[in-house]
Amino acid sequence: MKLSCATICVLAVSCVAGQAKADCPASVTNPLNLIAGTTWAFQTNDGLAGDATVGTFTAQVSTPKGATTPQGVLTIQETFNNAGSIGRQVTGTGSYQVNSDCSSGSLLFKVGNNSYVYAFVMAPTGTHMYLASANINVPNSGLGASSAGNRGVATLLSGPPTCNGANPLSTLVGTWGFLTQDYESSAVGIFKASIDPKSGLGVLTLTETSSGFGGNLVVQQIGTGQYQVYPDCSGGQINFNADAYSYQYAFVFAGPSQIYMVSDSTDSPNVTLGASRGNFGTATRF
């Protein structure tokens, strides 16, 4: 049978539409169960007012006392740089919703005096979420109701952070490529993390190219640093010392070979209220 051009076009559109429609996996009877029992590393930033955050959240489904329907709840731990106001490993709570086709939903973070609502879309692999601020009448100290376009990413972890009996410092050992940025500066480079055999401390050697204040460019500067890893191996802190600047970053592991970073510098010569206000970044192990 010969099909007309019009018929072919209709069939093509129908196929594309069918492919675009997302559905929950057959095993997910309630969309909330899509991420129930999972732990995610996340990073958010607004890119303008100097706000950035890294942390982890765990999702669960529960039915509160007196309620008749299950609800999605979050437990959160984050480090934030809110235009120079620093909070380290702050715990919080929240809630989440998943739309009926399991392709998207929303997250509510309540940490300290701030609350953020993020709309998210789920990557087809189910291992990443892409976040955009959807704050409406939610109290926070960001810039405006939408917190200046705050956006971010969340990455599925294999489970709650654990050291599996290893020295926490060993989880960062290796060679990493990194990118950091804030509202007016950026840097790229490579750092090597190792454990000093004499002191047992975590040490760094690094090479970076940075561009910042007034367009100043410093190419291939050599530096050193130190690092610490939290006892639960969820993340830690990194200090970069290069040229006249010293940056301190809090980080979380977004997998065995990726970290998300946010500046939590409080000491001269580069305090957070200066160049590192809201500075954030990522690094990948080679």
Foldseek 3Di string as FASTA:
>chain_A
DDDDPVVVVVVVVVVVVVVPQFADPPVPPFLLVLQAQWKKWKKKFQQALQKIKTWMKHWHWDADPPGDDIFIKIWIFMWMQRLQDTDHRFIWMWGWDADRRRQWTWIWTDTDQFIWIWTWGADPVNFKIKTWTDFDPGDDPADDRSSNGMIIMMGIDPHQFAPVPDDLQVLQAAKKWKWKDHNFKIKTWMKGWDQDPPPRFIKIKIWMWMAGDPRDTDHGWIWMWGWDADNSSQWTKIWTDTDQDIWIWTWGDRYSFKIKTATCAPDPPARCNPPRRNMIMMMGGD
